[in-house]
Amino acid sequence: MDLIISFLSTPAVLLGLVAMIGLLAQKKSMTEVLTGTFKTIIGFLVFSSGGSIMTGALQNFNTLFQKGFNIVGVVASPEAATALAQTEFAFVTSCTLILGFLMNLVIARITPFKNIFFTTGHSLFFACVLSLILKAHQFADIPAILIGGTLLGFFSAALPQLCQPFMRRITGSDETAIGHFNMVGYALSGYIGMLFGKHKDKTTEHINFPKWLSFFRDFLMGVAAVMLVLFYISALKAGRDVTQELAGTTHWLVFPFVQAFTFTAGMSILMTGVRMFLSEITAAFVSISEKFIPNSRPALDVPTVFPFAPTAVIVGFLSSYVAGLLGVLVMVVFKFPVVIIPAAHICFFSGGTAGVFGNSTGGWRGAIAGSFVIGLLLAFLPTVLYPVYGSLGIEGSTFPNIDYNVMGILLDKLLSLFGQ
């Protein structure tokens, strides 16, 4: 059981296996099979390393920002909430994850939803959400696993379909799907972008910067400049003592500089990994689609769309983060029972991707508007289910992603309606 759970929780290995099966099905030579398999694994690990570096830097930014501006509340971080959930319900969440992956394959085989979900970290988070809601409604372990696993498999196959019209527009093909459980939000951002359809050609990638801002045409230069400003504002506001505690032996004024460029380096690594493994997995997946699950496509993590509109990613991040901070203000003013603090790494990956989707249909206006709405949803939706998790002792963190909350709220209301 531990071996299977570890296997399904390691997307690099899983994707490598898929690439190997696809290449073997194409009757490639052993050298080509090993090369394609290893490149897929290496590329995904490079991609993951870049994401981890970026997340670490953004978590430091979270700490500086919250302490500097004295924001108190619950940080919406699925990693922390999952750790709490697995402590209490490890068996149910693990079995739900395994069944969910198997049901994803079955549903993709027998229904029009041909998406195979490979972002297993997100699958684990969703398994926790479903398990917690079902346990809060007094389901025994086996029924909770059966219902949760079936729902997870269905959502994994069906929700990427919402984004596919926009994915075809963004990538120019139908070969890959988004596998990241903010898909209701990304599709919504694409539709919001349509409100600015007459400006769709004025994209974030064609912004005419003044000469003194011309370095923003280079994506990594733009990222570095934006993160430098954000880190120094937060560090100076937090003060010397707080920043030095995070910095360790590094001088407190040097720390934000290093963190900003560490984040940018992580972005560069991530983009390199995306290009490396994406070309291998899409080529290998052709045979799997033809032989086992006709017309299927891999649903992959959101950075796979970053290269198509990198400036939109930064625009989306900033817009969604501002929306999240506005949400904090509203919750404080209206005295919400819980105040949800936006996590910078969630806003970057989710808000940034929403920016790409909005940009694809409404240019830079769509990127700003779409990601702003997604930022508000990331802030307010978790307040609905937080009391449900609290009834099980899961407090101090929560799941921010839109799909978890939209589907979770519907499941919770449905079970309440039937008195379960």
Protein backbone atom coordinates (compact mmCIF):
# COMPACT_ATOMS: atom_id res chain seq x y z
CA MET A 1 0.00 0.00 0.00
CA ASP A 2 2.79 2.46 0.92
CA LEU A 3 4.54 1.67 -2.36
CA ILE A 4 1.40 2.39 -4.41
CA ILE A 5 0.65 5.60 -2.51
CA SER A 6 4.23 6.80 -2.93
CA PHE A 7 4.12 5.91 -6.62
CA LEU A 8 0.89 7.82 -7.26
CA SER A 9 2.17 10.76 -5.23
CA THR A 10 5.31 11.09 -7.37
CA PRO A 11 4.23 12.67 -10.67
CA ALA A 12 7.73 12.50 -12.19
CA VAL A 13 7.73 8.71 -11.88
CA LEU A 14 4.14 8.44 -13.07
CA LEU A 15 4.76 10.61 -16.13
CA GLY A 16 7.97 8.70 -16.85
CA LEU A 17 6.01 5.45 -16.82
CA VAL A 18 3.41 6.92 -19.18
CA ALA A 19 6.16 8.07 -21.55
CA MET A 20 7.75 4.61 -21.45
CA ILE A 21 4.43 2.84 -22.19
CA GLY A 22 3.76 5.23 -25.06
CA LEU A 23 7.20 4.75 -26.59
CA LEU A 24 7.00 0.98 -26.23
CA ALA A 25 3.60 1.05 -27.92
CA GLN A 26 5.22 2.92 -30.82
CA LYS A 27 7.80 0.09 -31.03
CA LYS A 28 10.70 2.47 -30.50
CA SER A 29 14.18 1.08 -29.93
CA MET A 30 15.27 0.48 -26.35
CA THR A 31 17.63 3.45 -26.59
CA GLU A 32 14.78 5.75 -27.68
CA VAL A 33 12.51 4.37 -24.95
CA LEU A 34 15.08 4.99 -22.22
CA THR A 35 15.97 8.43 -23.60
CA GLY A 36 12.33 9.55 -23.79
CA THR A 37 11.52 8.12 -20.35
CA PHE A 38 14.55 9.65 -18.66
CA LYS A 39 14.06 13.04 -20.33
CA THR A 40 10.46 13.10 -19.15
CA ILE A 41 11.45 12.33 -15.56
CA ILE A 42 14.41 14.72 -15.59
CA GLY A 43 12.37 17.49 -17.20
CA PHE A 44 9.58 17.14 -14.66
CA LEU A 45 12.04 17.10 -11.75
CA VAL A 46 13.69 20.26 -13.14
CA PHE A 47 10.21 21.80 -13.43
CA SER A 48 9.34 20.74 -9.86
CA SER A 49 12.62 22.09 -8.49
CA GLY A 50 11.91 25.47 -10.04
CA GLY A 51 8.42 25.46 -8.53
CA SER A 52 9.79 24.56 -5.09
CA ILE A 53 12.35 27.37 -5.23
CA MET A 54 9.64 29.87 -6.18
CA THR A 55 7.27 28.61 -3.47
CA GLY A 56 9.98 28.88 -0.80
CA ALA A 57 10.69 32.49 -1.75
CA LEU A 58 6.99 33.36 -1.81
CA GLN A 59 6.44 31.82 1.62
CA ASN A 60 9.15 34.13 2.98
CA PHE A 61 7.32 36.99 1.29
CA ASN A 62 4.08 35.87 2.99
CA THR A 63 5.75 36.06 6.40
CA LEU A 64 7.25 39.49 5.80
CA PHE A 65 4.03 40.90 4.36
CA GLN A 66 1.75 39.58 7.09
CA LYS A 67 4.01 40.72 9.94
CA GLY A 68 4.86 44.01 8.28
CA PHE A 69 1.24 44.97 7.72
CA ASN A 70 -0.02 43.22 10.87
CA ILE A 71 -2.51 40.96 9.07
CA VAL A 72 -3.92 38.24 11.33
CA GLY A 73 -5.98 35.34 10.06
CA VAL A 74 -5.87 31.94 8.42
CA VAL A 75 -3.41 31.46 5.58
CA ALA A 76 -5.11 29.55 2.76
CA SER A 77 -2.46 26.93 2.05
CA PRO A 78 -3.48 23.45 0.85
CA GLU A 79 -0.14 21.95 1.90
CA ALA A 80 -0.68 22.79 5.57
CA ALA A 81 -4.35 21.78 5.51
CA THR A 82 -3.47 18.45 3.87
CA ALA A 83 -0.89 17.71 6.54
CA LEU A 84 -3.57 18.20 9.20
CA ALA A 85 -6.11 16.10 7.29
CA GLN A 86 -3.71 13.21 6.77
CA THR A 87 -2.88 13.18 10.46
CA GLU A 88 -6.53 12.52 11.30
CA PHE A 89 -7.78 10.58 8.26
CA ALA A 90 -4.71 9.11 6.55
CA PHE A 91 -6.38 5.84 5.51
CA VAL A 92 -9.44 7.46 3.95
CA THR A 93 -7.53 10.19 2.09
CA SER A 94 -4.88 7.78 0.75
CA CYS A 95 -7.42 5.24 -0.50
CA THR A 96 -9.55 8.01 -2.00
CA LEU A 97 -6.48 9.21 -3.91
CA ILE A 98 -5.77 5.74 -5.35
CA LEU A 99 -9.39 5.03 -6.28
CA GLY A 100 -9.68 8.50 -7.78
CA PHE A 101 -6.78 7.87 -10.16
CA LEU A 102 -8.23 4.52 -11.26
CA MET A 103 -11.69 6.03 -11.75
CA ASN A 104 -10.16 8.85 -13.79
CA LEU A 105 -8.90 6.22 -16.27
CA VAL A 106 -12.26 4.43 -16.33
CA ILE A 107 -14.28 7.63 -16.83
CA ALA A 108 -11.90 8.86 -19.54
CA ARG A 109 -12.34 5.51 -21.32
CA ILE A 110 -16.14 5.37 -21.26
CA THR A 111 -17.23 9.04 -21.36
CA PRO A 112 -16.55 12.07 -23.60
CA PHE A 113 -14.27 13.49 -20.86
CA LYS A 114 -10.91 12.32 -22.22
CA ASN A 115 -8.55 14.02 -19.76
CA ILE A 116 -5.99 12.05 -17.71
CA PHE A 117 -5.07 14.11 -14.65
CA PHE A 118 -1.35 14.03 -13.78
CA THR A 119 -0.98 16.74 -11.13
CA THR A 120 -1.09 14.23 -8.30
CA GLY A 121 -0.36 16.80 -5.61
CA HIS A 122 -3.63 18.50 -6.46
CA SER A 123 -5.37 15.13 -6.55
CA LEU A 124 -4.17 14.52 -2.99
CA PHE A 125 -5.49 17.91 -1.87
CA PHE A 126 -8.88 17.20 -3.46
CA ALA A 127 -8.93 13.72 -1.90
CA CYS A 128 -8.51 15.41 1.49
CA VAL A 129 -11.33 17.90 0.82
CA LEU A 130 -13.76 15.16 -0.22
CA SER A 131 -12.76 12.90 2.68
CA LEU A 132 -13.17 15.67 5.24
CA ILE A 133 -16.63 16.64 4.00
CA LEU A 134 -17.82 13.03 3.90
CA LYS A 135 -16.42 12.33 7.39
CA ALA A 136 -18.04 15.52 8.69
CA HIS A 137 -21.35 14.03 7.54
CA GLN A 138 -20.69 10.84 9.52
CA PHE A 139 -19.82 8.50 6.64
CA ALA A 140 -17.95 5.34 7.58
CA ASP A 141 -14.50 4.83 6.02
CA ILE A 142 -15.44 2.47 3.15
CA PRO A 143 -18.45 4.47 1.87
CA ALA A 144 -16.39 7.66 2.18
CA ILE A 145 -13.62 6.10 0.08
CA LEU A 146 -16.00 4.77 -2.57
CA ILE A 147 -17.93 8.04 -2.92
CA GLY A 148 -14.86 10.28 -2.61
CA GLY A 149 -12.77 8.24 -5.05
CA THR A 150 -15.54 8.16 -7.66
CA LEU A 151 -16.09 11.90 -7.37
CA LEU A 152 -12.35 12.57 -7.57
CA GLY A 153 -12.07 10.46 -10.71
CA PHE A 154 -15.02 12.23 -12.31
CA PHE A 155 -13.76 15.72 -11.48
CA SER A 156 -10.27 14.81 -12.74
CA ALA A 157 -11.66 13.81 -16.12
CA ALA A 158 -14.48 16.35 -16.47
CA LEU A 159 -13.26 19.68 -15.06
CA PRO A 160 -10.35 20.11 -17.53
CA GLN A 161 -12.98 20.04 -20.27
CA LEU A 162 -14.22 23.45 -19.08
CA CYS A 163 -10.86 24.97 -19.97
CA GLN A 164 -10.24 23.17 -23.24
CA PRO A 165 -11.73 25.81 -25.58
CA PHE A 166 -9.34 28.33 -24.04
CA MET A 167 -6.41 25.87 -24.05
CA ARG A 168 -6.83 25.47 -27.80
CA ARG A 169 -6.73 29.25 -28.15
CA ILE A 170 -3.69 29.62 -25.86
CA THR A 171 -1.54 26.73 -27.12
CA GLY A 172 -2.81 26.45 -30.67
CA SER A 173 -3.49 22.72 -30.27
CA ASP A 174 -5.72 20.21 -28.48
CA GLU A 175 -2.91 17.92 -27.33
CA THR A 176 -2.80 18.88 -23.63
CA ALA A 177 -5.25 20.02 -20.95
CA ILE A 178 -4.93 21.91 -17.69
CA GLY A 179 -4.63 19.66 -14.63
CA HIS A 180 -4.95 22.07 -11.71
CA PHE A 181 -8.07 22.29 -9.56
CA ASN A 182 -8.86 25.92 -10.24
CA MET A 183 -10.40 24.99 -13.56
CA VAL A 184 -13.78 26.55 -12.84
CA GLY A 185 -11.86 29.75 -12.15
CA TYR A 186 -9.68 29.56 -15.26
CA ALA A 187 -12.69 28.99 -17.50
CA LEU A 188 -14.47 31.87 -15.75
CA SER A 189 -11.46 34.10 -16.37
CA GLY A 190 -11.58 33.17 -20.05
CA TYR A 191 -15.26 34.11 -20.23
CA ILE A 192 -14.65 37.37 -18.35
CA GLY A 193 -11.95 38.13 -20.91
CA MET A 194 -14.59 37.81 -23.64
CA LEU A 195 -16.24 40.94 -22.23
CA PHE A 196 -13.18 42.75 -23.58
CA GLY A 197 -13.14 40.77 -26.81
CA LYS A 198 -12.76 43.82 -29.05
CA HIS A 199 -9.39 44.42 -27.32
CA LYS A 200 -8.18 40.81 -27.53
CA ASP A 201 -5.30 41.75 -29.86
CA LYS A 202 -3.92 44.18 -27.28
CA THR A 203 -2.38 41.42 -25.18
CA THR A 204 0.00 41.62 -22.27
CA GLU A 205 2.73 40.37 -24.59
CA HIS A 206 2.39 43.40 -26.88
CA ILE A 207 2.40 46.16 -24.27
CA ASN A 208 4.48 49.07 -25.54
CA PHE A 209 6.58 49.93 -22.49
CA PRO A 210 8.23 53.36 -22.29
CA LYS A 211 11.92 53.31 -23.17
CA TRP A 212 12.95 53.48 -19.51
CA LEU A 213 10.83 50.35 -18.85
CA SER A 214 11.92 48.49 -21.97
CA PHE A 215 13.61 45.76 -19.89
CA PHE A 216 10.09 44.46 -19.10
CA ARG A 217 10.06 43.05 -22.63
CA ASP A 218 12.44 40.43 -21.24
CA PHE A 219 10.18 38.26 -19.09
CA LEU A 220 12.77 37.32 -16.47
CA MET A 221 13.90 40.95 -16.13
CA GLY A 222 10.30 41.96 -15.52
CA VAL A 223 9.84 39.23 -12.92
CA ALA A 224 13.02 40.25 -11.11
CA ALA A 225 12.04 43.93 -11.05
CA VAL A 226 8.52 43.27 -9.73
CA MET A 227 9.71 40.86 -7.05
CA LEU A 228 12.48 43.23 -5.92
CA VAL A 229 9.92 45.96 -5.29
CA LEU A 230 7.51 43.62 -3.46
CA PHE A 231 10.20 42.04 -1.28
CA TYR A 232 11.77 45.36 -0.25
CA ILE A 233 8.40 46.95 0.56
CA SER A 234 7.52 43.96 2.75
CA ALA A 235 10.95 43.72 4.40
CA LEU A 236 11.16 47.43 5.21
CA LYS A 237 7.63 47.39 6.60
CA ALA A 238 8.31 44.25 8.66
CA GLY A 239 11.46 45.82 10.07
CA ARG A 240 14.98 44.71 10.79
CA ASP A 241 14.28 42.18 13.55
CA VAL A 242 11.61 40.19 11.70
CA THR A 243 13.55 40.18 8.44
CA GLN A 244 16.83 39.23 10.12
CA GLU A 245 15.16 36.26 11.81
CA LEU A 246 14.19 34.93 8.40
CA ALA A 247 17.52 35.89 6.82
CA GLY A 248 19.69 33.94 9.26
CA THR A 249 23.33 34.90 8.62
CA THR A 250 22.47 37.07 5.60
CA HIS A 251 22.20 40.81 6.24
CA TRP A 252 18.56 41.79 6.53
CA LEU A 253 18.78 44.34 3.68
CA VAL A 254 20.50 41.83 1.41
CA PHE A 255 17.90 39.12 2.12
CA PRO A 256 15.03 40.63 0.05
CA PHE A 257 17.44 41.16 -2.85
CA VAL A 258 18.54 37.52 -2.76
CA GLN A 259 14.97 36.25 -2.38
CA ALA A 260 13.71 38.26 -5.36
CA PHE A 261 16.41 36.84 -7.60
CA THR A 262 16.02 33.38 -6.11
CA PHE A 263 12.37 33.50 -7.15
CA THR A 264 13.38 34.64 -10.64
CA ALA A 265 15.95 31.85 -10.91
CA GLY A 266 13.26 29.38 -9.87
CA MET A 267 11.04 30.72 -12.65
CA SER A 268 13.82 30.24 -15.19
CA ILE A 269 14.40 26.66 -14.02
CA LEU A 270 10.67 25.93 -14.09
CA MET A 271 10.29 27.18 -17.68
CA THR A 272 13.27 25.06 -18.80
CA GLY A 273 11.74 21.95 -17.22
CA VAL A 274 8.35 22.65 -18.80
CA ARG A 275 9.83 22.75 -22.29
CA MET A 276 11.86 19.61 -21.67
CA PHE A 277 9.20 17.23 -20.35
CA LEU A 278 6.23 18.62 -22.29
CA SER A 279 7.69 17.75 -25.68
CA GLU A 280 8.46 14.19 -24.54
CA ILE A 281 5.16 13.42 -22.82
CA THR A 282 2.95 14.76 -25.62
CA ALA A 283 4.80 12.69 -28.24
CA ALA A 284 4.60 9.51 -26.11
CA PHE A 285 0.94 10.11 -25.23
CA VAL A 286 -0.16 9.76 -28.86
CA SER A 287 0.18 5.95 -28.71
CA ILE A 288 -1.58 5.68 -25.35
CA SER A 289 -4.45 7.71 -26.73
CA GLU A 290 -4.69 5.56 -29.85
CA LYS A 291 -4.39 2.14 -28.17
CA PHE A 292 -5.88 2.39 -24.69
CA ILE A 293 -8.03 5.51 -24.21
CA PRO A 294 -8.91 6.90 -27.65
CA ASN A 295 -8.67 10.68 -28.08
CA SER A 296 -7.36 11.16 -24.53
CA ARG A 297 -4.97 13.91 -23.53
CA PRO A 298 -2.75 14.54 -20.47
CA ALA A 299 -3.97 17.18 -18.01
CA LEU A 300 -0.81 18.88 -16.75
CA ASP A 301 0.12 21.51 -14.17
CA VAL A 302 -0.43 25.18 -14.95
CA PRO A 303 3.15 26.29 -15.68
CA THR A 304 2.78 24.45 -18.99
CA VAL A 305 0.85 27.52 -20.25
CA PHE A 306 3.26 30.11 -18.82
CA PRO A 307 5.54 30.21 -21.90
CA PHE A 308 2.59 31.22 -24.11
CA ALA A 309 1.95 34.51 -22.25
CA PRO A 310 4.62 35.05 -19.57
CA THR A 311 3.81 38.72 -18.96
CA ALA A 312 0.17 37.78 -18.35
CA VAL A 313 1.37 35.55 -15.52
CA ILE A 314 2.87 38.52 -13.66
CA VAL A 315 -0.16 40.71 -14.41
CA GLY A 316 -2.48 37.96 -13.16
CA PHE A 317 -0.45 37.40 -10.01
CA LEU A 318 -0.48 41.08 -9.04
CA SER A 319 -4.17 41.52 -9.87
CA SER A 320 -5.28 38.43 -7.92
CA TYR A 321 -3.09 39.33 -4.93
CA VAL A 322 -4.55 42.84 -4.77
CA ALA A 323 -8.03 41.26 -4.92
CA GLY A 324 -7.10 38.91 -2.06
CA LEU A 325 -5.90 41.83 0.08
CA LEU A 326 -9.14 43.69 -0.69
CA GLY A 327 -10.94 40.55 0.46
CA VAL A 328 -9.04 40.67 3.77
CA LEU A 329 -10.16 44.28 4.26
CA VAL A 330 -13.80 43.37 3.60
CA MET A 331 -13.65 40.41 6.02
CA VAL A 332 -12.16 42.58 8.76
CA VAL A 333 -14.62 45.46 8.24
CA PHE A 334 -17.66 43.17 8.17
CA LYS A 335 -16.31 40.99 10.99
CA PHE A 336 -16.28 37.62 9.24
CA PRO A 337 -15.90 34.66 11.64
CA VAL A 338 -12.63 33.85 9.88
CA VAL A 339 -10.29 36.06 7.86
CA ILE A 340 -8.64 34.27 4.94
CA ILE A 341 -5.19 35.65 4.11
CA PRO A 342 -4.12 35.16 0.49
CA ALA A 343 -0.98 33.06 0.11
CA ALA A 344 1.39 34.62 -2.42
CA HIS A 345 2.34 31.30 -4.00
CA ILE A 346 -1.34 30.41 -4.54
CA CYS A 347 -2.00 33.81 -6.12
CA PHE A 348 1.04 33.45 -8.33
CA PHE A 349 0.21 30.07 -9.81
CA SER A 350 -3.59 30.39 -9.79
CA GLY A 351 -3.91 34.12 -10.42
CA GLY A 352 -1.09 34.03 -12.95
CA THR A 353 -2.78 31.24 -14.89
CA ALA A 354 -6.11 33.09 -14.74
CA GLY A 355 -4.25 36.01 -16.27
CA VAL A 356 -3.15 33.83 -19.20
CA PHE A 357 -6.74 32.67 -19.79
CA GLY A 358 -8.23 36.17 -19.54
CA ASN A 359 -5.49 37.50 -21.79
CA SER A 360 -6.31 34.91 -24.46
CA THR A 361 -9.82 36.29 -24.95
CA GLY A 362 -9.62 39.92 -23.82
CA GLY A 363 -6.00 41.05 -24.00
CA TRP A 364 -4.42 42.75 -21.02
CA ARG A 365 -7.82 44.02 -19.87
CA GLY A 366 -9.11 40.45 -19.72
CA ALA A 367 -5.98 39.36 -17.86
CA ILE A 368 -6.51 41.99 -15.15
CA ALA A 369 -10.27 41.53 -14.80
CA GLY A 370 -10.27 37.73 -14.94
CA SER A 371 -7.49 37.27 -12.40
CA PHE A 372 -9.01 39.91 -10.09
CA VAL A 373 -12.28 37.98 -9.91
CA ILE A 374 -10.35 34.74 -9.31
CA GLY A 375 -8.44 36.48 -6.49
CA LEU A 376 -11.73 37.38 -4.82
CA LEU A 377 -12.99 33.79 -5.14
CA LEU A 378 -9.75 32.44 -3.67
CA ALA A 379 -10.31 34.73 -0.68
CA PHE A 380 -14.03 34.34 0.00
CA LEU A 381 -14.94 30.77 -1.02
CA PRO A 382 -12.83 29.09 1.73
CA THR A 383 -14.83 30.91 4.43
CA VAL A 384 -17.84 28.71 3.62
CA LEU A 385 -16.23 25.32 4.29
CA TYR A 386 -13.85 26.39 7.06
CA PRO A 387 -16.43 25.63 9.82
CA VAL A 388 -16.94 22.13 8.34
CA TYR A 389 -13.23 21.38 8.65
CA GLY A 390 -13.18 22.98 12.10
CA SER A 391 -15.80 20.49 13.30
CA LEU A 392 -13.19 17.77 12.63
CA GLY A 393 -10.39 19.60 14.37
CA ILE A 394 -8.78 20.83 11.14
CA GLU A 395 -8.09 24.48 11.96
CA GLY A 396 -5.40 27.06 11.28
CA SER A 397 -5.31 26.51 7.53
CA THR A 398 -7.68 25.68 4.70
CA PHE A 399 -7.96 24.80 1.01
CA PRO A 400 -8.10 27.93 -1.18
CA ASN A 401 -8.52 26.47 -4.66
CA ILE A 402 -11.76 27.27 -6.43
CA ASP A 403 -12.68 23.75 -7.59
CA TYR A 404 -12.20 22.32 -4.09
CA ASN A 405 -14.54 24.91 -2.70
CA VAL A 406 -17.19 25.03 -5.43
CA MET A 407 -17.50 21.23 -5.61
CA GLY A 408 -17.03 20.88 -1.86
CA ILE A 409 -19.78 23.39 -1.07
CA LEU A 410 -22.15 21.64 -3.50
CA LEU A 411 -21.40 18.25 -1.91
CA ASP A 412 -21.81 19.63 1.61
CA LYS A 413 -25.16 21.28 0.78
CA LEU A 414 -26.39 18.16 -1.03
CA LEU A 415 -25.56 15.93 1.93
CA SER A 416 -27.19 18.40 4.32
CA LEU A 417 -30.29 18.49 2.15
CA PHE A 418 -30.68 14.73 2.40
CA GLY A 419 -29.95 14.78 6.12
CA GLN A 420 -26.78 12.69 5.87
